[in-house]
Amino acid sequence: MKATTHTLNMKTARASALAILLALGAGGMLTGCDDGPAEDAGEAIDDTFDDAEDSIDDTFD
């Protein structure tokens, strides 16, 4: 079976899309390790809600 131009273009497009997704995924994993101001603020909010939940639980125990 002879490969047509369309088949080769589809294979190239798929390989390119896969390469882009892998590059973005790797970049996301690398940048996900750093705690920025938004991450710190989110953790502070989570801690505040956890403390409030603990206080409510202690009140009703």
Protein backbone atom coordinates (compact mmCIF):
# COMPACT_ATOMS: atom_id res chain seq x y z
CA MET A 1 0.00 0.00 0.00
CA LYS A 2 1.44 3.31 -1.07
CA ALA A 3 1.22 6.20 1.44
CA THR A 4 -0.62 9.18 0.09
CA THR A 5 0.19 12.80 0.76
CA HIS A 6 -2.93 13.07 2.92
CA THR A 7 -1.83 10.11 5.07
CA LEU A 8 1.64 11.59 5.53
CA ASN A 9 0.16 14.98 6.44
CA MET A 10 -2.12 13.36 9.04
CA LYS A 11 0.80 11.46 10.58
CA THR A 12 2.87 14.65 10.69
CA ALA A 13 -0.02 16.57 12.26
CA ARG A 14 -0.53 13.88 14.91
CA ALA A 15 3.18 13.73 15.71
CA SER A 16 3.33 17.51 15.95
CA ALA A 17 0.28 17.66 18.22
CA LEU A 18 1.74 14.96 20.46
CA ALA A 19 5.08 16.79 20.67
CA ILE A 20 3.31 20.03 21.62
CA LEU A 21 1.22 18.32 24.30
CA LEU A 22 4.26 16.62 25.78
CA ALA A 23 6.21 19.89 25.82
CA LEU A 24 3.35 21.76 27.50
CA GLY A 25 2.87 18.96 30.02
CA ALA A 26 6.55 18.91 30.92
CA GLY A 27 6.58 22.69 31.23
CA GLY A 28 3.52 22.56 33.46
CA MET A 29 5.12 20.01 35.74
CA LEU A 30 8.26 22.10 36.07
CA THR A 31 6.44 25.33 36.85
CA GLY A 32 4.00 23.57 39.18
CA CYS A 33 6.80 23.03 41.68
CA ASP A 34 7.29 26.72 42.47
CA ASP A 35 5.11 28.40 45.09
CA GLY A 36 4.12 31.81 43.83
CA PRO A 37 2.01 34.46 45.52
CA ALA A 38 -1.26 32.92 44.28
CA GLU A 39 -0.26 29.49 45.60
CA ASP A 40 0.68 30.97 48.97
CA ALA A 41 -2.61 32.88 49.16
CA GLY A 42 -4.58 29.75 48.28
CA GLU A 43 -2.83 27.77 50.98
CA ALA A 44 -3.53 30.52 53.52
CA ILE A 45 -7.22 30.44 52.63
CA ASP A 46 -7.27 26.65 52.91
CA ASP A 47 -5.61 26.84 56.34
CA THR A 48 -8.14 29.46 57.49
CA PHE A 49 -11.07 27.28 56.45
CA ASP A 50 -9.51 24.22 58.06
CA ASP A 51 -9.07 26.15 61.33
CA ALA A 52 -12.68 27.38 61.16
CA GLU A 53 -13.92 23.84 60.53
CA ASP A 54 -11.91 22.55 63.50
CA SER A 55 -13.34 25.30 65.72
CA ILE A 56 -16.89 24.46 64.68
CA ASP A 57 -16.28 20.76 65.28
CA ASP A 58 -14.81 21.49 68.74
CA THR A 59 -17.84 23.62 69.61
CA PHE A 60 -20.30 20.84 68.90
CA ASP A 61 -18.27 17.98 70.43
